[in-house]
Amino acid sequence: MFDYTLAHWITFLSAATLLNLSPGPDIAFILGHTFRSGRRSGFAALFGIWSGACLHVLMAAAGLSAILAASAIAFSAVKWAGAAYLIWLGIQALRSKGEGAWIKEAGKVLPWSRIYRQGILVSLLNPKVAVFFLAFLPQFVVEGAGPVWAQLLLHGSLIIVVAAFIEPPLILLGGRLAEALRRNRTAGLWLDRGLGTLFVALGVRLAISAR
């Protein structure tokens, strides 16, 4: 059970590391909350993204992602929903007046539970993540190393474990910047403009992307 060669693990872990280092909506969402609301909000966003990724892994192991990959209608529906959600987040940031798009009028940070739920949606509403897991994970299935679903679940879970070594340090570093930005309204305004533009651009890119 789970008997793999050293070359197998080196290849897989290298790919998982590069995957987690590549920029995208997930990293932008996590760092966006960190920069504007601090480390705690960043970790709430992080756990939301990870929860969404866990659901993607479970769906891949269960074969449900195959439906998304095979059905043009299902793929398009999820893609447009995800694009709309990212663009909405971007517009919220662009409309802010320097106090942060995710901060209440009273100046309090949004509840962590809300940020967490947003993170799940950002991850789940990106169909490319589901299709990626479906295309990436089977490449590391080895005959005789256990049931296919168990191998998919193992490797998918390890991708999230690798993320645990990469993404938290980014939040801790970003938290220092967040403290300075919260004391500078002008800097906060420009950061919101930049984050808003980034989210809108990511949403548009997702909307016009093919499979």
N, C-alpha and C. Protein backbone atom coordinates (compact mmCIF):
# COMPACT_ATOMS: atom_id res chain seq x y z
N MET A 1 0.85 -1.19 0.00
CA MET A 1 0.00 0.00 0.00
C MET A 1 0.88 1.25 0.00
N PHE A 2 0.64 2.14 -0.96
CA PHE A 2 1.39 3.39 -1.07
C PHE A 2 2.90 3.15 -1.15
N ASP A 3 3.29 2.16 -1.94
CA ASP A 3 4.70 1.84 -2.12
C ASP A 3 5.21 2.55 -3.37
N TYR A 4 5.93 3.68 -3.16
CA TYR A 4 6.41 4.48 -4.28
C TYR A 4 7.94 4.61 -4.22
N THR A 5 8.52 4.91 -5.37
CA THR A 5 9.96 5.09 -5.45
C THR A 5 10.34 6.50 -5.02
N LEU A 6 11.63 6.69 -4.76
CA LEU A 6 12.12 8.02 -4.39
C LEU A 6 11.92 9.00 -5.54
N ALA A 7 12.13 8.53 -6.77
CA ALA A 7 11.95 9.39 -7.94
C ALA A 7 10.50 9.87 -8.05
N HIS A 8 9.57 8.99 -7.69
CA HIS A 8 8.16 9.34 -7.70
C HIS A 8 7.90 10.52 -6.76
N TRP A 9 8.43 10.42 -5.54
CA TRP A 9 8.18 11.47 -4.55
C TRP A 9 8.87 12.77 -4.92
N ILE A 10 10.07 12.68 -5.47
CA ILE A 10 10.78 13.90 -5.87
C ILE A 10 10.01 14.63 -6.97
N THR A 11 9.53 13.87 -7.94
CA THR A 11 8.76 14.47 -9.04
C THR A 11 7.47 15.09 -8.53
N PHE A 12 6.76 14.34 -7.71
CA PHE A 12 5.48 14.83 -7.21
C PHE A 12 5.64 16.07 -6.33
N LEU A 13 6.55 16.02 -5.37
CA LEU A 13 6.72 17.13 -4.44
C LEU A 13 7.25 18.38 -5.15
N SER A 14 8.08 18.18 -6.17
CA SER A 14 8.55 19.33 -6.95
C SER A 14 7.38 20.00 -7.68
N ALA A 15 6.53 19.17 -8.27
CA ALA A 15 5.37 19.71 -8.98
C ALA A 15 4.40 20.39 -8.00
N ALA A 16 4.19 19.79 -6.84
CA ALA A 16 3.29 20.36 -5.84
C ALA A 16 3.82 21.69 -5.33
N THR A 17 5.14 21.81 -5.18
CA THR A 17 5.74 23.06 -4.73
C THR A 17 5.56 24.16 -5.76
N LEU A 18 5.81 23.84 -7.02
CA LEU A 18 5.64 24.83 -8.09
C LEU A 18 4.18 25.24 -8.21
N LEU A 19 3.29 24.30 -8.02
CA LEU A 19 1.85 24.60 -8.08
C LEU A 19 1.47 25.62 -7.01
N ASN A 20 1.96 25.42 -5.81
CA ASN A 20 1.59 26.32 -4.71
C ASN A 20 2.28 27.67 -4.80
N LEU A 21 3.40 27.74 -5.52
CA LEU A 21 4.10 29.01 -5.68
C LEU A 21 3.54 29.85 -6.82
N SER A 22 2.80 29.22 -7.73
CA SER A 22 2.28 29.95 -8.88
C SER A 22 1.18 30.91 -8.46
N PRO A 23 1.20 32.15 -8.97
CA PRO A 23 0.17 33.13 -8.59
C PRO A 23 -1.18 32.80 -9.20
N GLY A 24 -2.22 33.18 -8.55
CA GLY A 24 -3.57 32.93 -9.03
C GLY A 24 -4.58 33.52 -8.08
N PRO A 25 -5.87 33.29 -8.32
CA PRO A 25 -6.92 33.86 -7.46
C PRO A 25 -6.77 33.48 -5.99
N ASP A 26 -6.33 32.26 -5.71
CA ASP A 26 -6.23 31.81 -4.32
C ASP A 26 -5.21 32.64 -3.54
N ILE A 27 -4.00 32.76 -4.10
CA ILE A 27 -2.95 33.52 -3.44
C ILE A 27 -3.34 34.99 -3.34
N ALA A 28 -3.93 35.53 -4.41
CA ALA A 28 -4.34 36.93 -4.40
C ALA A 28 -5.39 37.18 -3.32
N PHE A 29 -6.31 36.25 -3.15
CA PHE A 29 -7.36 36.39 -2.14
C PHE A 29 -6.76 36.36 -0.74
N ILE A 30 -5.86 35.43 -0.50
CA ILE A 30 -5.24 35.30 0.83
C ILE A 30 -4.41 36.54 1.18
N LEU A 31 -3.55 36.95 0.25
CA LEU A 31 -2.70 38.10 0.53
C LEU A 31 -3.50 39.39 0.57
N GLY A 32 -4.58 39.46 -0.21
CA GLY A 32 -5.42 40.65 -0.18
C GLY A 32 -6.00 40.88 1.20
N HIS A 33 -6.53 39.84 1.80
CA HIS A 33 -7.07 39.97 3.16
C HIS A 33 -5.97 40.24 4.17
N THR A 34 -4.81 39.63 3.96
CA THR A 34 -3.70 39.85 4.89
C THR A 34 -3.24 41.30 4.87
N PHE A 35 -3.04 41.85 3.68
CA PHE A 35 -2.55 43.22 3.55
C PHE A 35 -3.51 44.24 4.13
N ARG A 36 -4.80 44.01 3.95
CA ARG A 36 -5.76 45.03 4.37
C ARG A 36 -6.31 44.81 5.77
N SER A 37 -6.29 43.58 6.27
CA SER A 37 -6.94 43.33 7.56
C SER A 37 -6.06 42.61 8.57
N GLY A 38 -4.85 42.23 8.18
CA GLY A 38 -3.95 41.61 9.13
C GLY A 38 -3.86 40.10 9.02
N ARG A 39 -3.00 39.54 9.87
CA ARG A 39 -2.69 38.12 9.79
C ARG A 39 -3.90 37.23 10.05
N ARG A 40 -4.71 37.59 11.05
CA ARG A 40 -5.84 36.72 11.40
C ARG A 40 -6.82 36.59 10.24
N SER A 41 -7.09 37.68 9.57
CA SER A 41 -7.98 37.61 8.41
C SER A 41 -7.32 36.82 7.29
N GLY A 42 -5.99 36.97 7.17
CA GLY A 42 -5.27 36.20 6.16
C GLY A 42 -5.36 34.72 6.40
N PHE A 43 -5.25 34.31 7.66
CA PHE A 43 -5.36 32.88 7.97
C PHE A 43 -6.79 32.38 7.78
N ALA A 44 -7.78 33.24 8.06
CA ALA A 44 -9.17 32.85 7.81
C ALA A 44 -9.38 32.59 6.32
N ALA A 45 -8.80 33.47 5.49
CA ALA A 45 -8.89 33.28 4.04
C ALA A 45 -8.14 32.01 3.63
N LEU A 46 -6.97 31.80 4.24
CA LEU A 46 -6.17 30.62 3.94
C LEU A 46 -6.93 29.33 4.22
N PHE A 47 -7.53 29.24 5.39
CA PHE A 47 -8.27 28.02 5.74
C PHE A 47 -9.48 27.83 4.84
N GLY A 48 -10.08 28.93 4.40
CA GLY A 48 -11.20 28.81 3.46
C GLY A 48 -10.74 28.23 2.13
N ILE A 49 -9.61 28.74 1.62
CA ILE A 49 -9.05 28.23 0.37
C ILE A 49 -8.69 26.75 0.51
N TRP A 50 -8.06 26.40 1.63
CA TRP A 50 -7.69 25.00 1.86
C TRP A 50 -8.92 24.10 1.94
N SER A 51 -9.97 24.58 2.58
CA SER A 51 -11.21 23.79 2.67
C SER A 51 -11.79 23.54 1.29
N GLY A 52 -11.77 24.58 0.44
CA GLY A 52 -12.24 24.41 -0.93
C GLY A 52 -11.38 23.42 -1.69
N ALA A 53 -10.06 23.48 -1.46
CA ALA A 53 -9.14 22.55 -2.12
C ALA A 53 -9.41 21.12 -1.66
N CYS A 54 -9.70 20.95 -0.36
CA CYS A 54 -10.02 19.61 0.15
C CYS A 54 -11.25 19.04 -0.54
N LEU A 55 -12.23 19.88 -0.76
CA LEU A 55 -13.45 19.43 -1.45
C LEU A 55 -13.13 19.04 -2.89
N HIS A 56 -12.23 19.80 -3.54
CA HIS A 56 -11.81 19.44 -4.90
C HIS A 56 -11.12 18.07 -4.91
N VAL A 57 -10.28 17.84 -3.91
CA VAL A 57 -9.58 16.56 -3.83
C VAL A 57 -10.57 15.41 -3.64
N LEU A 58 -11.54 15.61 -2.74
CA LEU A 58 -12.55 14.58 -2.50
C LEU A 58 -13.36 14.30 -3.76
N MET A 59 -13.70 15.36 -4.49
CA MET A 59 -14.47 15.18 -5.73
C MET A 59 -13.65 14.44 -6.77
N ALA A 60 -12.35 14.76 -6.84
CA ALA A 60 -11.48 14.07 -7.80
C ALA A 60 -11.38 12.59 -7.45
N ALA A 61 -11.22 12.29 -6.14
CA ALA A 61 -11.11 10.91 -5.70
C ALA A 61 -12.40 10.14 -5.95
N ALA A 62 -13.53 10.83 -5.84
CA ALA A 62 -14.83 10.20 -6.05
C ALA A 62 -15.22 10.14 -7.53
N GLY A 63 -14.45 10.82 -8.37
CA GLY A 63 -14.75 10.81 -9.80
C GLY A 63 -15.72 11.88 -10.23
N LEU A 64 -16.15 12.73 -9.30
CA LEU A 64 -17.13 13.76 -9.66
C LEU A 64 -16.54 14.82 -10.56
N SER A 65 -15.23 15.07 -10.44
CA SER A 65 -14.59 16.08 -11.28
C SER A 65 -14.64 15.68 -12.75
N ALA A 66 -14.77 14.37 -13.00
CA ALA A 66 -14.85 13.90 -14.39
C ALA A 66 -16.09 14.46 -15.07
N ILE A 67 -17.14 14.65 -14.30
CA ILE A 67 -18.37 15.22 -14.86
C ILE A 67 -18.12 16.64 -15.32
N LEU A 68 -17.42 17.39 -14.48
CA LEU A 68 -17.10 18.77 -14.82
C LEU A 68 -16.21 18.85 -16.03
N ALA A 69 -15.25 17.93 -16.11
CA ALA A 69 -14.32 17.93 -17.23
C ALA A 69 -14.99 17.52 -18.53
N ALA A 70 -15.99 16.63 -18.44
CA ALA A 70 -16.64 16.10 -19.64
C ALA A 70 -17.79 16.96 -20.12
N SER A 71 -18.42 17.70 -19.22
CA SER A 71 -19.60 18.48 -19.57
C SER A 71 -19.24 19.94 -19.83
N ALA A 72 -19.43 20.38 -21.06
CA ALA A 72 -19.15 21.76 -21.41
C ALA A 72 -20.09 22.71 -20.67
N ILE A 73 -21.34 22.28 -20.49
CA ILE A 73 -22.33 23.12 -19.82
C ILE A 73 -21.96 23.30 -18.35
N ALA A 74 -21.60 22.20 -17.69
CA ALA A 74 -21.23 22.28 -16.28
C ALA A 74 -19.98 23.12 -16.09
N PHE A 75 -18.99 22.93 -16.97
CA PHE A 75 -17.76 23.70 -16.88
C PHE A 75 -18.04 25.19 -17.05
N SER A 76 -18.84 25.52 -18.05
CA SER A 76 -19.14 26.93 -18.32
C SER A 76 -19.91 27.57 -17.18
N ALA A 77 -20.85 26.81 -16.60
CA ALA A 77 -21.66 27.36 -15.51
C ALA A 77 -20.78 27.71 -14.30
N VAL A 78 -19.89 26.80 -13.94
CA VAL A 78 -19.01 27.05 -12.80
C VAL A 78 -18.02 28.16 -13.14
N LYS A 79 -17.52 28.16 -14.37
CA LYS A 79 -16.55 29.17 -14.79
C LYS A 79 -17.14 30.57 -14.70
N TRP A 80 -18.36 30.75 -15.21
CA TRP A 80 -18.97 32.07 -15.20
C TRP A 80 -19.34 32.50 -13.78
N ALA A 81 -19.74 31.55 -12.96
CA ALA A 81 -20.05 31.88 -11.56
C ALA A 81 -18.78 32.34 -10.84
N GLY A 82 -17.68 31.63 -11.08
CA GLY A 82 -16.41 32.00 -10.45
C GLY A 82 -15.91 33.34 -10.94
N ALA A 83 -16.03 33.58 -12.25
CA ALA A 83 -15.58 34.86 -12.81
C ALA A 83 -16.40 36.01 -12.24
N ALA A 84 -17.71 35.81 -12.13
CA ALA A 84 -18.58 36.86 -11.59
C ALA A 84 -18.23 37.17 -10.13
N TYR A 85 -17.92 36.13 -9.38
CA TYR A 85 -17.60 36.33 -7.96
C TYR A 85 -16.28 37.09 -7.80
N LEU A 86 -15.27 36.74 -8.59
CA LEU A 86 -13.99 37.45 -8.52
C LEU A 86 -14.15 38.91 -8.93
N ILE A 87 -14.92 39.15 -9.99
CA ILE A 87 -15.15 40.53 -10.44
C ILE A 87 -15.91 41.33 -9.39
N TRP A 88 -16.86 40.68 -8.73
CA TRP A 88 -17.61 41.36 -7.66
C TRP A 88 -16.69 41.75 -6.52
N LEU A 89 -15.77 40.85 -6.13
CA LEU A 89 -14.80 41.18 -5.09
C LEU A 89 -13.93 42.35 -5.52
N GLY A 90 -13.54 42.35 -6.80
CA GLY A 90 -12.72 43.44 -7.31
C GLY A 90 -13.44 44.77 -7.29
N ILE A 91 -14.70 44.77 -7.68
CA ILE A 91 -15.48 46.01 -7.67
C ILE A 91 -15.65 46.55 -6.26
N GLN A 92 -15.84 45.63 -5.30
CA GLN A 92 -15.95 46.06 -3.90
C GLN A 92 -14.68 46.78 -3.47
N ALA A 93 -13.53 46.28 -3.89
CA ALA A 93 -12.26 46.91 -3.53
C ALA A 93 -12.10 48.26 -4.24
N LEU A 94 -12.48 48.31 -5.51
CA LEU A 94 -12.35 49.55 -6.27
C LEU A 94 -13.25 50.65 -5.73
N ARG A 95 -14.36 50.28 -5.14
CA ARG A 95 -15.31 51.27 -4.62
C ARG A 95 -14.95 51.76 -3.23
N SER A 96 -13.96 51.17 -2.59
CA SER A 96 -13.61 51.57 -1.24
C SER A 96 -12.98 52.96 -1.23
N LYS A 97 -12.93 53.55 -0.07
CA LYS A 97 -12.38 54.90 0.08
C LYS A 97 -11.13 54.90 0.94
N GLY A 98 -10.45 53.76 0.93
CA GLY A 98 -9.19 53.69 1.64
C GLY A 98 -9.28 52.96 2.96
N GLU A 99 -10.50 52.62 3.37
CA GLU A 99 -10.63 51.91 4.63
C GLU A 99 -10.64 50.41 4.44
N GLY A 100 -10.51 49.99 3.18
CA GLY A 100 -10.44 48.55 2.91
C GLY A 100 -11.78 48.01 2.43
N ALA A 101 -11.74 47.26 1.36
CA ALA A 101 -12.98 46.74 0.80
C ALA A 101 -13.61 45.69 1.69
N TRP A 102 -12.83 45.08 2.58
CA TRP A 102 -13.35 44.01 3.43
C TRP A 102 -13.46 44.45 4.88
N ILE A 103 -13.52 45.79 5.08
CA ILE A 103 -13.64 46.31 6.44
C ILE A 103 -14.96 47.05 6.57
N LYS A 104 -15.67 46.85 7.65
CA LYS A 104 -16.96 47.46 7.85
C LYS A 104 -16.82 48.97 8.01
N GLU A 105 -17.92 49.68 7.85
CA GLU A 105 -17.90 51.13 7.98
C GLU A 105 -17.43 51.56 9.36
N ALA A 106 -17.70 50.77 10.35
CA ALA A 106 -17.27 51.12 11.71
C ALA A 106 -15.79 50.90 11.91
N GLY A 107 -15.13 50.32 10.91
CA GLY A 107 -13.70 50.12 10.99
C GLY A 107 -13.31 48.75 11.50
N LYS A 108 -14.28 47.89 11.73
CA LYS A 108 -13.98 46.57 12.24
C LYS A 108 -13.77 45.59 11.09
N VAL A 109 -12.89 44.67 11.30
CA VAL A 109 -12.61 43.66 10.29
C VAL A 109 -13.82 42.75 10.12
N LEU A 110 -14.05 42.32 8.90
CA LEU A 110 -15.15 41.39 8.65
C LEU A 110 -14.98 40.14 9.51
N PRO A 111 -16.09 39.52 9.92
CA PRO A 111 -15.98 38.29 10.73
C PRO A 111 -15.15 37.24 9.99
N TRP A 112 -14.33 36.54 10.76
CA TRP A 112 -13.48 35.51 10.16
C TRP A 112 -14.30 34.44 9.47
N SER A 113 -15.49 34.15 10.01
CA SER A 113 -16.34 33.12 9.40
C SER A 113 -16.76 33.54 7.99
N ARG A 114 -16.99 34.83 7.80
CA ARG A 114 -17.40 35.31 6.47
C ARG A 114 -16.22 35.22 5.49
N ILE A 115 -15.03 35.63 5.95
CA ILE A 115 -13.84 35.53 5.12
C ILE A 115 -13.58 34.06 4.76
N TYR A 116 -13.76 33.18 5.74
CA TYR A 116 -13.57 31.75 5.53
C TYR A 116 -14.51 31.23 4.44
N ARG A 117 -15.78 31.62 4.52
CA ARG A 117 -16.76 31.18 3.51
C ARG A 117 -16.41 31.73 2.14
N GLN A 118 -15.94 32.99 2.10
CA GLN A 118 -15.54 33.56 0.82
C GLN A 118 -14.39 32.76 0.22
N GLY A 119 -13.45 32.33 1.07
CA GLY A 119 -12.32 31.54 0.58
C GLY A 119 -12.76 30.23 -0.05
N ILE A 120 -13.73 29.59 0.59
CA ILE A 120 -14.25 28.33 0.03
C ILE A 120 -14.84 28.57 -1.35
N LEU A 121 -15.61 29.66 -1.48
CA LEU A 121 -16.25 29.96 -2.76
C LEU A 121 -15.21 30.28 -3.84
N VAL A 122 -14.19 31.08 -3.47
CA VAL A 122 -13.15 31.42 -4.45
C VAL A 122 -12.50 30.15 -4.99
N SER A 123 -12.26 29.18 -4.12
CA SER A 123 -11.63 27.92 -4.55
C SER A 123 -12.60 27.05 -5.34
N LEU A 124 -13.80 26.88 -4.82
CA LEU A 124 -14.76 25.99 -5.47
C LEU A 124 -15.24 26.51 -6.82
N LEU A 125 -15.34 27.83 -6.96
CA LEU A 125 -15.87 28.40 -8.19
C LEU A 125 -14.80 28.61 -9.25
N ASN A 126 -13.70 27.94 -9.10
CA ASN A 126 -12.65 27.95 -10.13
C ASN A 126 -12.59 26.55 -10.74
N PRO A 127 -13.28 26.33 -11.86
CA PRO A 127 -13.36 24.98 -12.43
C PRO A 127 -12.01 24.44 -12.87
N LYS A 128 -11.07 25.35 -13.15
CA LYS A 128 -9.75 24.89 -13.57
C LYS A 128 -9.04 24.12 -12.47
N VAL A 129 -9.36 24.43 -11.22
CA VAL A 129 -8.76 23.70 -10.10
C VAL A 129 -9.23 22.25 -10.13
N ALA A 130 -10.54 22.06 -10.34
CA ALA A 130 -11.09 20.70 -10.40
C ALA A 130 -10.51 19.93 -11.57
N VAL A 131 -10.46 20.59 -12.73
CA VAL A 131 -9.92 19.93 -13.91
C VAL A 131 -8.44 19.64 -13.73
N PHE A 132 -7.72 20.56 -13.07
CA PHE A 132 -6.30 20.33 -12.82
C PHE A 132 -6.08 19.10 -11.96
N PHE A 133 -6.83 19.00 -10.87
CA PHE A 133 -6.67 17.84 -10.00
C PHE A 133 -6.98 16.56 -10.77
N LEU A 134 -7.99 16.62 -11.62
CA LEU A 134 -8.37 15.43 -12.38
C LEU A 134 -7.28 15.04 -13.37
N ALA A 135 -6.59 16.03 -13.93
CA ALA A 135 -5.54 15.75 -14.92
C ALA A 135 -4.19 15.47 -14.26
N PHE A 136 -3.94 16.13 -13.12
CA PHE A 136 -2.63 16.04 -12.48
C PHE A 136 -2.48 14.80 -11.61
N LEU A 137 -3.44 14.57 -10.73
CA LEU A 137 -3.31 13.49 -9.75
C LEU A 137 -3.19 12.10 -10.37
N PRO A 138 -3.98 11.76 -11.42
CA PRO A 138 -3.87 10.40 -11.98
C PRO A 138 -2.48 10.07 -12.52
N GLN A 139 -1.67 11.09 -12.82
CA GLN A 139 -0.33 10.82 -13.33
C GLN A 139 0.56 10.16 -12.27
N PHE A 140 0.14 10.25 -11.02
CA PHE A 140 0.94 9.70 -9.93
C PHE A 140 0.31 8.44 -9.32
N VAL A 141 -0.67 7.91 -10.02
CA VAL A 141 -1.27 6.65 -9.60
C VAL A 141 -0.38 5.51 -10.10
N VAL A 142 0.03 4.66 -9.19
CA VAL A 142 0.94 3.55 -9.53
C VAL A 142 0.20 2.23 -9.35
N GLU A 143 0.26 1.39 -10.37
CA GLU A 143 -0.42 0.10 -10.29
C GLU A 143 0.18 -0.74 -9.16
N GLY A 144 -0.71 -1.28 -8.34
CA GLY A 144 -0.28 -2.13 -7.24
C GLY A 144 0.03 -1.38 -5.95
N ALA A 145 -0.13 -0.03 -5.97
CA ALA A 145 0.17 0.77 -4.78
C ALA A 145 -1.08 1.07 -3.97
N GLY A 146 -2.18 0.43 -4.31
CA GLY A 146 -3.42 0.64 -3.56
C GLY A 146 -4.56 1.05 -4.47
N PRO A 147 -5.78 1.14 -3.93
CA PRO A 147 -6.93 1.56 -4.72
C PRO A 147 -6.69 2.93 -5.35
N VAL A 148 -7.22 3.12 -6.53
CA VAL A 148 -7.01 4.39 -7.24
C VAL A 148 -7.53 5.56 -6.42
N TRP A 149 -8.72 5.42 -5.84
CA TRP A 149 -9.30 6.54 -5.09
C TRP A 149 -8.42 6.90 -3.89
N ALA A 150 -7.80 5.88 -3.27
CA ALA A 150 -6.95 6.14 -2.10
C ALA A 150 -5.68 6.86 -2.52
N GLN A 151 -5.12 6.49 -3.67
CA GLN A 151 -3.91 7.16 -4.15
C GLN A 151 -4.21 8.61 -4.54
N LEU A 152 -5.35 8.83 -5.16
CA LEU A 152 -5.75 10.19 -5.52
C LEU A 152 -5.93 11.04 -4.27
N LEU A 153 -6.57 10.45 -3.28
CA LEU A 153 -6.82 11.17 -2.02
C LEU A 153 -5.50 11.50 -1.32
N LEU A 154 -4.57 10.56 -1.32
CA LEU A 154 -3.28 10.77 -0.67
C LEU A 154 -2.51 11.91 -1.34
N HIS A 155 -2.37 11.84 -2.65
CA HIS A 155 -1.58 12.85 -3.35
C HIS A 155 -2.27 14.21 -3.32
N GLY A 156 -3.58 14.22 -3.41
CA GLY A 156 -4.29 15.50 -3.32
C GLY A 156 -4.11 16.15 -1.96
N SER A 157 -4.17 15.33 -0.92
CA SER A 157 -4.00 15.85 0.44
C SER A 157 -2.58 16.37 0.64
N LEU A 158 -1.61 15.72 0.02
CA LEU A 158 -0.22 16.14 0.17
C LEU A 158 0.04 17.49 -0.50
N ILE A 159 -0.72 17.80 -1.55
CA ILE A 159 -0.59 19.12 -2.17
C ILE A 159 -0.95 20.21 -1.17
N ILE A 160 -1.99 19.95 -0.36
CA ILE A 160 -2.40 20.91 0.66
C ILE A 160 -1.37 20.96 1.78
N VAL A 161 -0.76 19.81 2.10
CA VAL A 161 0.30 19.78 3.11
C VAL A 161 1.48 20.63 2.66
N VAL A 162 1.84 20.54 1.39
CA VAL A 162 2.93 21.35 0.86
C VAL A 162 2.58 22.83 0.97
N ALA A 163 1.31 23.15 0.71
CA ALA A 163 0.86 24.54 0.84
C ALA A 163 1.03 25.05 2.26
N ALA A 164 0.93 24.14 3.24
CA ALA A 164 1.07 24.53 4.64
C ALA A 164 2.48 25.00 4.97
N PHE A 165 3.45 24.62 4.14
CA PHE A 165 4.83 25.07 4.35
C PHE A 165 5.15 26.34 3.58
N ILE A 166 4.29 26.69 2.61
CA ILE A 166 4.58 27.82 1.74
C ILE A 166 3.74 29.05 2.05
N GLU A 167 2.44 28.86 2.22
CA GLU A 167 1.54 30.01 2.32
C GLU A 167 1.52 30.72 3.68
N PRO A 168 1.58 30.00 4.82
CA PRO A 168 1.60 30.72 6.10
C PRO A 168 2.73 31.73 6.24
N PRO A 169 3.98 31.41 5.82
CA PRO A 169 5.03 32.43 5.90
C PRO A 169 4.71 33.69 5.11
N LEU A 170 4.00 33.54 3.97
CA LEU A 170 3.61 34.71 3.19
C LEU A 170 2.65 35.59 3.99
N ILE A 171 1.77 34.95 4.75
CA ILE A 171 0.82 35.71 5.57
C ILE A 171 1.56 36.43 6.70
N LEU A 172 2.49 35.76 7.32
CA LEU A 172 3.24 36.37 8.42
C LEU A 172 4.04 37.59 7.94
N LEU A 173 4.62 37.48 6.76
CA LEU A 173 5.35 38.62 6.20
C LEU A 173 4.39 39.73 5.77
N GLY A 174 3.27 39.33 5.20
CA GLY A 174 2.28 40.31 4.77
C GLY A 174 1.64 41.04 5.93
N GLY A 175 1.56 40.37 7.09
CA GLY A 175 0.97 40.99 8.26
C GLY A 175 1.72 42.22 8.70
N ARG A 176 3.04 42.21 8.55
CA ARG A 176 3.84 43.38 8.92
C ARG A 176 3.51 44.57 8.04
N LEU A 177 3.35 44.29 6.74
CA LEU A 177 2.99 45.35 5.82
C LEU A 177 1.59 45.87 6.13
N ALA A 178 0.69 44.96 6.52
CA ALA A 178 -0.68 45.35 6.81
C ALA A 178 -0.74 46.36 7.96
N GLU A 179 0.09 46.15 8.97
CA GLU A 179 0.09 47.06 10.11
C GLU A 179 0.46 48.47 9.69
N ALA A 180 1.42 48.59 8.80
CA ALA A 180 1.83 49.91 8.32
C ALA A 180 0.75 50.53 7.44
N LEU A 181 0.11 49.71 6.62
CA LEU A 181 -0.91 50.23 5.70
C LEU A 181 -2.15 50.73 6.43
N ARG A 182 -2.49 50.07 7.54
CA ARG A 182 -3.67 50.49 8.27
C ARG A 182 -3.48 51.88 8.91
N ARG A 183 -2.24 52.29 9.05
CA ARG A 183 -1.97 53.62 9.61
C ARG A 183 -1.84 54.67 8.51
N ASN A 184 -1.93 54.24 7.26
CA ASN A 184 -1.77 55.16 6.13
C ASN A 184 -2.96 55.01 5.20
N ARG A 185 -3.91 55.94 5.29
CA ARG A 185 -5.15 55.85 4.51
C ARG A 185 -4.88 55.92 3.01
N THR A 186 -3.93 56.78 2.62
CA THR A 186 -3.63 56.92 1.19
C THR A 186 -3.06 55.63 0.62
N ALA A 187 -2.13 55.02 1.38
CA ALA A 187 -1.56 53.75 0.92
C ALA A 187 -2.64 52.68 0.86
N GLY A 188 -3.54 52.68 1.84
CA GLY A 188 -4.64 51.71 1.83
C GLY A 188 -5.54 51.89 0.62
N LEU A 189 -5.77 53.15 0.25
CA LEU A 189 -6.60 53.44 -0.92
C LEU A 189 -5.97 52.87 -2.18
N TRP A 190 -4.68 53.11 -2.37
CA TRP A 190 -4.01 52.62 -3.56
C TRP A 190 -3.90 51.09 -3.56
N LEU A 191 -3.74 50.52 -2.38
CA LEU A 191 -3.70 49.06 -2.30
C LEU A 191 -5.03 48.48 -2.71
N ASP A 192 -6.12 49.09 -2.23
CA ASP A 192 -7.45 48.61 -2.62
C ASP A 192 -7.64 48.72 -4.13
N ARG A 193 -7.16 49.82 -4.70
CA ARG A 193 -7.28 49.97 -6.15
C ARG A 193 -6.50 48.86 -6.87
N GLY A 194 -5.30 48.59 -6.38
CA GLY A 194 -4.50 47.54 -7.00
C GLY A 194 -5.12 46.17 -6.86
N LEU A 195 -5.61 45.86 -5.64
CA LEU A 195 -6.24 44.56 -5.41
C LEU A 195 -7.53 44.43 -6.22
N GLY A 196 -8.29 45.52 -6.29
CA GLY A 196 -9.53 45.50 -7.06
C GLY A 196 -9.26 45.22 -8.53
N THR A 197 -8.25 45.89 -9.07
CA THR A 197 -7.88 45.68 -10.47
C THR A 197 -7.42 44.25 -10.70
N LEU A 198 -6.65 43.71 -9.73
CA LEU A 198 -6.16 42.34 -9.85
C LEU A 198 -7.31 41.34 -9.87
N PHE A 199 -8.27 41.49 -8.96
CA PHE A 199 -9.39 40.56 -8.91
C PHE A 199 -10.25 40.64 -10.16
N VAL A 200 -10.50 41.86 -10.65
CA VAL A 200 -11.28 42.01 -11.88
C VAL A 200 -10.55 41.35 -13.04
N ALA A 201 -9.23 41.57 -13.12
CA ALA A 201 -8.44 40.97 -14.20
C ALA A 201 -8.47 39.44 -14.14
N LEU A 202 -8.35 38.89 -12.92
CA LEU A 202 -8.41 37.44 -12.76
C LEU A 202 -9.79 36.90 -13.15
N GLY A 203 -10.83 37.64 -12.79
CA GLY A 203 -12.18 37.22 -13.15
C GLY A 203 -12.38 37.23 -14.66
N VAL A 204 -11.89 38.29 -15.32
CA VAL A 204 -12.02 38.38 -16.77
C VAL A 204 -11.22 37.28 -17.45
N ARG A 205 -10.01 37.02 -16.92
CA ARG A 205 -9.18 35.95 -17.51
C ARG A 205 -9.86 34.61 -17.40
N LEU A 206 -10.49 34.36 -16.23
CA LEU A 206 -11.21 33.10 -16.05
C LEU A 206 -12.39 33.02 -17.00
N ALA A 207 -13.09 34.14 -17.19
CA ALA A 207 -14.29 34.15 -18.05
C ALA A 207 -13.96 33.86 -19.52
N ILE A 208 -12.82 34.38 -19.99
CA ILE A 208 -12.49 34.21 -21.41
C ILE A 208 -11.62 32.99 -21.67
N SER A 209 -11.24 32.30 -20.59
CA SER A 209 -10.36 31.15 -20.76
C SER A 209 -11.10 29.95 -21.33
N ALA A 210 -10.37 29.14 -22.03
CA ALA A 210 -10.91 27.86 -22.51
C ALA A 210 -10.52 26.81 -21.49
N ARG A 211 -10.81 25.56 -21.78
CA ARG A 211 -10.47 24.50 -20.86
C ARG A 211 -8.97 24.33 -20.75
